[in-house]
């Protein structure tokens, strides 16, 4: 006869196994594979976030076109312009500490710099919502070519960008016209560096990545040259690009889009904003998150690093953004009303990758809805 003590042990082991199974994300690799094959991409990854927990994750394809190394769950993906909301979140911390304010002007922070007079009154808030008049194109005058030479420290490179941009009139009247601008976010990053005396990269690690446990997060193209230890980026035509300085944009525009991370670690950051949008803030106050999630004056769709839109499948308001350095493509959608988010990534850039990531997001949303437990009184 089985003893009571043994029976209790068996029950405890069974309960522990059940808990572990419940905590293990579902493998959605089979969902990703046909989308990858349809669009003929080297590799893709997807993740569904339920509240703070990863409920499903999957990968498909290879790290390098023509190679045999398979994409793994813990591989790194370049996040491109999804870096922008991270920079804005960092700025929010500095605002709360009184080092900056949303109304801080370029003229105040860089009083020692020569600039076209119209730049002096441009505010930090205008820059972060793409209403500061910063240009979309850095090619005029050869500025982009100079930045691509990567001379000096990252701080010095951003000062070179700053001086090059401010030496010309704004591309549009500040405060009135929306112009999506990497340069604007580079200027915001330079403002943070000016008031702290610390490089943007170090600020991001200490203030954001470390507190969130994002140990995989870094900057530039992931992986080591000469190896396929991580996914390689691929140009829109499918050509693989070996890791190294030329596999990403220069550090001068780092605050606009040079972060890389595993999808799992990226989801820790996304959970921060998902919870905050539901009134459960961490790291920042509720009013700061509200500012980050509110579109700029005269624009009802772009906040500080987030696109804002109403979607039926989300039961209301969503936060979203895509990111690409032309060799990678990622997308995130956050649905606060449904308490979930979806992340999609590809190690190729271009329109085909963008369409594939959109298709994957749609599939992830459908998959989430199929597995989500309905709320009391709600039909599944």
Protein backbone atom coordinates (compact mmCIF):
# COMPACT_ATOMS: atom_id res chain seq x y z
CA UNK A 1 0.00 0.00 0.00
CA UNK A 2 1.31 3.39 -0.92
CA UNK A 3 2.17 5.56 2.07
CA UNK A 4 0.56 8.94 2.66
CA UNK A 5 4.01 10.57 2.53
CA UNK A 6 4.83 8.96 -0.83
CA UNK A 7 1.43 9.88 -2.23
CA UNK A 8 1.99 13.48 -1.16
CA UNK A 9 5.39 13.51 -2.85
CA UNK A 10 3.87 12.19 -6.06
CA UNK A 11 1.20 14.89 -5.97
CA UNK A 12 3.80 17.62 -5.37
CA UNK A 13 5.97 16.39 -8.26
CA UNK A 14 2.94 16.26 -10.55
CA UNK A 15 1.92 19.76 -9.55
CA UNK A 16 5.45 21.05 -10.20
CA UNK A 17 5.52 19.39 -13.63
CA UNK A 18 2.14 20.93 -14.46
CA UNK A 19 3.36 24.38 -13.39
CA UNK A 20 6.48 24.03 -15.52
CA UNK A 21 4.37 22.98 -18.51
CA UNK A 22 2.08 25.96 -18.00
CA UNK A 23 5.09 28.30 -17.90
CA UNK A 24 6.60 26.86 -21.09
CA UNK A 25 5.68 28.97 -24.13
CA UNK A 26 3.95 27.17 -26.97
CA UNK A 27 6.14 26.49 -29.99
CA UNK A 28 4.66 28.38 -32.95
CA UNK A 29 7.46 27.56 -35.38
CA UNK A 30 5.00 25.61 -37.60
CA UNK A 31 2.92 28.79 -37.89
CA UNK A 32 5.95 30.80 -39.04
CA UNK A 33 7.37 28.34 -41.57
CA UNK A 34 4.74 28.73 -44.34
CA UNK A 35 4.97 32.55 -44.11
CA UNK A 36 8.75 32.33 -44.42
CA UNK A 37 8.48 30.03 -47.43
CA UNK A 38 5.79 32.15 -49.09
CA UNK A 39 7.99 35.25 -49.01
CA UNK A 40 11.29 33.39 -49.59
CA UNK A 41 13.15 34.98 -46.67
CA UNK A 42 16.22 33.51 -44.95
CA UNK A 43 14.78 33.53 -41.42
CA UNK A 44 11.92 34.76 -39.23
CA UNK A 45 10.91 34.75 -35.58
CA UNK A 46 7.68 35.56 -33.76
CA UNK A 47 6.49 35.97 -30.18
CA UNK A 48 3.19 36.45 -28.36
CA UNK A 49 3.26 38.30 -25.06
CA UNK A 50 0.39 37.84 -22.60
CA UNK A 51 0.76 40.42 -19.87
CA UNK A 52 4.30 39.91 -18.58
CA UNK A 53 4.64 36.35 -19.86
CA UNK A 54 5.67 34.90 -23.20
CA UNK A 55 2.82 32.57 -24.13
CA UNK A 56 4.19 31.51 -27.52
CA UNK A 57 7.43 31.82 -29.46
CA UNK A 58 8.83 30.29 -32.62
CA UNK A 59 11.48 30.55 -35.32
CA UNK A 60 12.04 29.27 -38.83
CA UNK A 61 14.77 29.43 -41.43
CA UNK A 62 18.50 30.02 -41.41
CA UNK A 63 20.89 32.60 -40.03
CA UNK A 64 22.52 33.14 -43.42
CA UNK A 65 21.08 32.57 -46.86
CA UNK A 66 22.70 29.48 -48.40
CA UNK A 67 23.95 28.31 -45.01
CA UNK A 68 22.90 25.49 -42.73
CA UNK A 69 22.91 27.26 -39.35
CA UNK A 70 19.30 27.44 -38.20
CA UNK A 71 17.68 30.43 -36.51
CA UNK A 72 17.36 29.75 -32.75
CA UNK A 73 14.92 31.16 -30.19
CA UNK A 74 17.67 33.06 -28.37
CA UNK A 75 19.23 34.56 -31.50
CA UNK A 76 19.68 38.31 -31.78
CA UNK A 77 17.67 40.50 -34.13
CA UNK A 78 18.38 44.11 -35.08
CA UNK A 79 15.45 46.27 -33.93
CA UNK A 80 16.02 49.30 -36.16
CA UNK A 81 13.63 52.16 -35.44
CA UNK A 82 11.95 50.28 -32.60
CA UNK A 83 14.92 51.81 -30.76
CA UNK A 84 13.17 55.20 -30.92
CA UNK A 85 10.65 54.50 -28.17
CA UNK A 86 13.52 53.21 -26.01
CA UNK A 87 15.35 56.52 -26.42
CA UNK A 88 12.16 58.40 -25.59
CA UNK A 89 11.70 56.22 -22.48
CA UNK A 90 15.25 57.09 -21.39
CA UNK A 91 14.49 60.78 -21.97
CA UNK A 92 11.40 60.36 -19.77
CA UNK A 93 13.65 59.24 -16.91
CA UNK A 94 15.83 62.33 -17.30
CA UNK A 95 12.73 64.53 -17.35
CA UNK A 96 11.51 63.00 -14.09
CA UNK A 97 14.95 63.65 -12.57
CA UNK A 98 14.85 67.30 -13.64
CA UNK A 99 17.85 67.02 -15.95
CA UNK A 100 15.63 67.81 -18.94
CA UNK A 101 12.06 68.92 -19.53
CA UNK A 102 9.76 68.27 -22.47
CA UNK A 103 10.03 71.99 -23.21
CA UNK A 104 13.85 72.06 -23.11
CA UNK A 105 15.04 73.70 -26.31
CA UNK A 106 17.97 72.94 -28.56
CA UNK A 107 19.13 76.52 -28.03
CA UNK A 108 19.18 76.07 -24.24
CA UNK A 109 21.01 72.74 -24.22
CA UNK A 110 23.49 73.66 -26.94
CA UNK A 111 23.95 77.37 -26.22
CA UNK A 112 27.61 77.03 -27.23
CA UNK A 113 26.81 75.81 -30.76
CA UNK A 114 26.35 77.86 -33.89
CA UNK A 115 22.97 77.18 -35.47
CA UNK A 116 20.34 78.62 -37.73
CA UNK A 117 18.19 80.86 -35.47
CA UNK A 118 15.04 78.81 -36.16
CA UNK A 119 16.54 75.84 -34.31
CA UNK A 120 16.95 77.65 -30.99
CA UNK A 121 13.28 77.40 -29.96
CA UNK A 122 12.77 73.77 -31.06
CA UNK A 123 11.71 71.70 -28.05
CA UNK A 124 12.59 68.18 -27.02
CA UNK A 125 8.93 67.21 -27.30
CA UNK A 126 8.78 68.45 -30.89
CA UNK A 127 11.91 66.48 -31.78
CA UNK A 128 10.58 63.24 -30.24
CA UNK A 129 7.24 63.52 -32.09
CA UNK A 130 8.93 64.35 -35.43
CA UNK A 131 7.63 67.93 -35.40
CA UNK A 132 10.93 69.72 -34.80
CA UNK A 133 11.85 70.34 -38.42
CA UNK A 134 14.71 67.82 -38.42
CA UNK A 135 15.38 66.53 -41.95
CA UNK A 136 14.54 63.08 -43.24
CA UNK A 137 17.62 63.10 -45.48
CA UNK A 138 21.19 63.58 -44.25
CA UNK A 139 22.81 63.37 -47.69
CA UNK A 140 22.88 67.13 -48.53
CA UNK A 141 26.34 68.60 -48.11
CA UNK A 142 27.90 65.15 -47.76
CA UNK A 143 26.99 64.87 -44.06
CA UNK A 144 25.89 61.23 -44.29
CA UNK A 145 29.12 60.24 -46.04
CA UNK A 146 31.13 61.89 -43.27
CA UNK A 147 29.11 60.17 -40.56
CA UNK A 148 29.64 56.80 -42.21
CA UNK A 149 33.40 57.19 -41.67
CA UNK A 150 32.68 56.80 -37.94
CA UNK A 151 35.41 59.16 -36.76
CA UNK A 152 35.72 59.69 -33.03
CA UNK A 153 33.61 58.38 -30.14
CA UNK A 154 29.86 57.87 -30.52
CA UNK A 155 29.32 61.13 -28.60
CA UNK A 156 31.64 62.98 -31.00
CA UNK A 157 29.88 61.44 -33.99
CA UNK A 158 26.53 62.66 -32.72
CA UNK A 159 27.95 66.14 -32.20
CA UNK A 160 29.14 66.06 -35.81
CA UNK A 161 25.59 65.19 -36.89
CA UNK A 162 24.16 67.89 -34.64
CA UNK A 163 26.44 70.60 -36.03
CA UNK A 164 25.77 69.49 -39.60
CA UNK A 165 22.00 69.61 -39.17
CA UNK A 166 21.81 72.79 -37.10
CA UNK A 167 24.04 74.63 -39.55
CA UNK A 168 21.17 74.54 -42.05
CA UNK A 169 17.60 75.86 -41.65
CA UNK A 170 14.98 73.30 -40.47
CA UNK A 171 13.45 71.22 -43.22
CA UNK A 172 10.02 72.61 -42.25
CA UNK A 173 8.59 75.14 -39.84
CA UNK A 174 9.14 73.69 -36.34
CA UNK A 175 5.99 72.59 -34.55
CA UNK A 176 3.77 72.50 -37.63
CA UNK A 177 4.91 69.71 -39.96
CA UNK A 178 5.44 65.99 -39.34
CA UNK A 179 8.73 64.73 -40.84
CA UNK A 180 9.88 61.26 -39.78
CA UNK A 181 13.51 61.89 -38.90
CA UNK A 182 16.36 59.73 -37.61
CA UNK A 183 18.34 62.94 -37.21
CA UNK A 184 15.77 64.26 -34.75
CA UNK A 185 16.21 61.28 -32.45
CA UNK A 186 19.99 61.56 -32.77
CA UNK A 187 19.66 65.16 -31.57
CA UNK A 188 17.49 64.01 -28.65
CA UNK A 189 20.17 61.48 -27.74
CA UNK A 190 22.81 64.20 -27.92
CA UNK A 191 20.69 66.33 -25.57
CA UNK A 192 20.65 63.46 -23.07
CA UNK A 193 24.42 63.10 -23.38
CA UNK A 194 24.95 66.83 -22.89
CA UNK A 195 23.06 67.00 -19.58
CA UNK A 196 24.45 63.74 -18.16
CA UNK A 197 27.99 63.68 -19.55
CA UNK A 198 27.38 60.01 -20.43
CA UNK A 199 27.16 58.30 -23.81
CA UNK A 200 23.66 57.31 -24.96
CA UNK A 201 24.75 53.66 -25.19
CA UNK A 202 25.83 53.61 -21.54
CA UNK A 203 22.68 55.44 -20.45
CA UNK A 204 20.56 52.83 -22.21
CA UNK A 205 22.39 49.96 -20.53
CA UNK A 206 22.28 51.39 -17.02
CA UNK A 207 18.85 53.02 -17.08
CA UNK A 208 16.82 50.64 -19.25
CA UNK A 209 18.43 47.34 -20.21
CA UNK A 210 19.87 46.39 -16.81
CA UNK A 211 16.74 47.21 -14.77
CA UNK A 212 14.61 45.18 -17.20
CA UNK A 213 17.02 42.23 -17.31
CA UNK A 214 17.70 42.67 -21.03
CA UNK A 215 21.14 41.04 -20.87
CA UNK A 216 21.26 40.32 -24.61
CA UNK A 217 20.63 43.93 -25.69
CA UNK A 218 23.44 45.69 -27.50
CA UNK A 219 24.17 47.99 -30.41
CA UNK A 220 24.93 47.49 -34.07
CA UNK A 221 24.73 44.36 -36.20
CA UNK A 222 24.76 41.22 -34.05
CA UNK A 223 27.34 38.50 -34.43
CA UNK A 224 31.05 38.27 -35.16
CA UNK A 225 32.70 38.79 -38.53
CA UNK A 226 33.86 35.58 -40.13
CA UNK A 227 31.34 33.39 -38.29
CA UNK A 228 27.64 32.60 -38.32
CA UNK A 229 27.19 32.60 -34.55
CA UNK A 230 24.15 34.90 -34.96
CA UNK A 231 21.78 35.71 -37.82
CA UNK A 232 23.26 37.89 -40.57
CA UNK A 233 21.29 40.76 -42.02
CA UNK A 234 20.27 40.52 -45.68
CA UNK A 235 19.61 43.27 -48.20
CA UNK A 236 16.23 43.50 -49.90
CA UNK A 237 17.53 41.35 -52.78
CA UNK A 238 18.53 38.58 -50.35
CA UNK A 239 22.26 39.24 -50.31
CA UNK A 240 23.75 38.41 -46.88
CA UNK A 241 25.81 41.11 -45.13
CA UNK A 242 28.68 40.00 -42.91
CA UNK A 243 28.57 41.41 -39.35
CA UNK A 244 30.76 44.44 -38.78
CA UNK A 245 30.61 48.26 -38.85
CA UNK A 246 29.25 48.34 -42.40
CA UNK A 247 26.40 45.99 -41.49
CA UNK A 248 24.58 48.80 -39.68
CA UNK A 249 24.06 52.54 -39.75
CA UNK A 250 26.72 54.67 -38.01
CA UNK A 251 26.53 55.30 -34.24
CA UNK A 252 25.70 58.94 -35.01
CA UNK A 253 22.05 57.90 -35.42
CA UNK A 254 22.17 55.26 -32.69
CA UNK A 255 19.31 56.79 -30.67
CA UNK A 256 17.10 56.43 -33.76
CA UNK A 257 17.79 52.79 -34.45
CA UNK A 258 20.85 50.63 -33.64
CA UNK A 259 19.69 48.36 -30.78
CA UNK A 260 19.75 44.57 -31.15
CA UNK A 261 18.23 41.99 -28.80
CA UNK A 262 16.68 38.56 -28.54
CA UNK A 263 12.92 38.59 -29.00
CA UNK A 264 12.58 37.38 -25.42
CA UNK A 265 14.48 40.35 -24.02
CA UNK A 266 12.73 42.77 -26.37
CA UNK A 267 9.43 41.47 -24.99
CA UNK A 268 10.54 42.54 -21.48
CA UNK A 269 10.68 46.10 -22.75
CA UNK A 270 7.36 45.73 -24.57
CA UNK A 271 5.78 44.40 -21.34
CA UNK A 272 6.90 47.61 -19.62
CA UNK A 273 4.81 49.70 -22.02
CA UNK A 274 1.91 47.22 -22.15
CA UNK A 275 1.52 47.36 -18.39
CA UNK A 276 1.98 51.12 -18.27
CA UNK A 277 -0.79 51.58 -20.84
CA UNK A 278 -3.03 49.66 -18.44
CA UNK A 279 -2.16 51.91 -15.50
CA UNK A 280 0.53 49.68 -13.99
CA UNK A 281 3.73 51.72 -14.44
CA UNK A 282 7.28 50.61 -13.64
CA UNK A 283 10.52 52.63 -13.88
CA UNK A 284 8.51 55.76 -14.77
CA UNK A 285 5.44 57.54 -13.43
CA UNK A 286 2.02 57.10 -15.04
CA UNK A 287 1.98 60.68 -16.33
CA UNK A 288 5.34 60.15 -18.04
CA UNK A 289 4.13 57.05 -19.84
CA UNK A 290 0.98 58.92 -20.84
CA UNK A 291 3.20 61.60 -22.39
CA UNK A 292 5.23 58.97 -24.24
CA UNK A 293 2.04 57.39 -25.60
CA UNK A 294 0.29 60.63 -26.64
CA UNK A 295 0.65 61.87 -30.26
CA UNK A 296 2.20 65.28 -30.86
CA UNK A 297 0.21 68.45 -31.33
CA UNK A 298 -1.47 68.50 -34.72
CA UNK A 299 -0.90 64.78 -35.27
CA UNK A 300 -3.20 62.04 -34.05
CA UNK A 301 -1.11 59.02 -35.00
CA UNK A 302 2.52 59.36 -33.84
CA UNK A 303 3.60 59.64 -30.23
CA UNK A 304 7.17 59.40 -28.89
CA UNK A 305 8.43 56.35 -30.76
CA UNK A 306 4.98 54.80 -31.13
CA UNK A 307 2.36 54.77 -33.81
CA UNK A 308 -1.10 55.11 -32.22
CA UNK A 309 -4.21 53.63 -33.86
CA UNK A 310 -7.59 52.11 -33.06
CA UNK A 311 -8.03 48.44 -34.01
CA UNK A 312 -11.07 46.21 -33.58
CA UNK A 313 -9.03 43.09 -32.82
CA UNK A 314 -7.37 45.04 -29.98
CA UNK A 315 -10.65 46.30 -28.51
CA UNK A 316 -9.44 49.87 -28.94
CA UNK A 317 -6.14 51.69 -28.90
CA UNK A 318 -2.88 50.12 -30.05
CA UNK A 319 0.79 51.09 -29.90
CA UNK A 320 2.96 49.88 -32.74
CA UNK A 321 6.19 50.46 -34.63
CA UNK A 322 8.35 48.84 -37.26
CA UNK A 323 12.11 48.94 -37.54
CA UNK A 324 14.68 48.33 -40.26
CA UNK A 325 18.25 49.31 -41.08
CA UNK A 326 17.53 47.99 -44.64
CA UNK A 327 19.03 44.58 -43.71
CA UNK A 328 16.56 43.52 -41.01
CA UNK A 329 12.85 44.10 -40.41
CA UNK A 330 10.83 43.92 -37.18
CA UNK A 331 7.31 44.90 -36.10
CA UNK A 332 5.56 45.14 -32.73
CA UNK A 333 1.86 45.65 -31.94
CA UNK A 334 0.65 46.28 -28.37
CA UNK A 335 -3.02 45.82 -27.47
CA UNK A 336 -3.55 47.18 -23.93
CA UNK A 337 -7.30 46.51 -24.05
CA UNK A 338 -6.63 42.80 -24.60
CA UNK A 339 -3.45 42.66 -22.46
CA UNK A 340 -1.21 41.18 -25.15
CA UNK A 341 1.37 42.09 -27.76
CA UNK A 342 2.88 40.43 -30.83
CA UNK A 343 6.44 40.71 -32.13
CA UNK A 344 7.65 39.66 -35.58
CA UNK A 345 11.18 39.76 -36.99
CA UNK A 346 13.14 38.87 -40.11
CA UNK A 347 16.85 38.95 -40.89
CA UNK A 348 16.18 40.61 -44.25
CA UNK A 349 15.12 44.15 -45.11
CA UNK A 350 12.94 45.56 -47.86
CA UNK A 351 9.29 45.50 -48.88
CA UNK A 352 9.02 41.70 -49.04
CA UNK A 353 10.25 41.39 -45.45
CA UNK A 354 7.83 44.12 -44.38
CA UNK A 355 4.91 42.24 -45.93
CA UNK A 356 6.06 38.98 -44.37
CA UNK A 357 6.25 40.54 -40.90
CA UNK A 358 2.79 42.04 -41.35
CA UNK A 359 1.47 38.60 -42.35
CA UNK A 360 3.14 37.06 -39.33
CA UNK A 361 1.65 39.67 -37.00
CA UNK A 362 -1.79 38.83 -38.37
CA UNK A 363 -1.15 35.13 -37.81
CA UNK A 364 0.11 35.76 -34.27
CA UNK A 365 -2.97 37.83 -33.42
CA UNK A 366 -5.24 35.08 -34.75
CA UNK A 367 -3.28 32.46 -32.83
CA UNK A 368 -3.52 34.46 -29.62
CA UNK A 369 -7.27 34.89 -30.02
CA UNK A 370 -7.67 31.16 -30.65
CA UNK A 371 -5.87 30.25 -27.43
CA UNK A 372 -6.88 33.10 -25.14
CA UNK A 373 -9.24 32.33 -22.29
CA UNK A 374 -12.38 34.46 -22.56
CA UNK A 375 -13.17 36.89 -19.76
CA UNK A 376 -16.35 36.28 -17.74
CA UNK A 377 -19.36 36.99 -19.94
CA UNK A 378 -17.20 37.27 -23.08
CA UNK A 379 -17.53 34.93 -26.05
CA UNK A 380 -14.29 33.41 -27.30
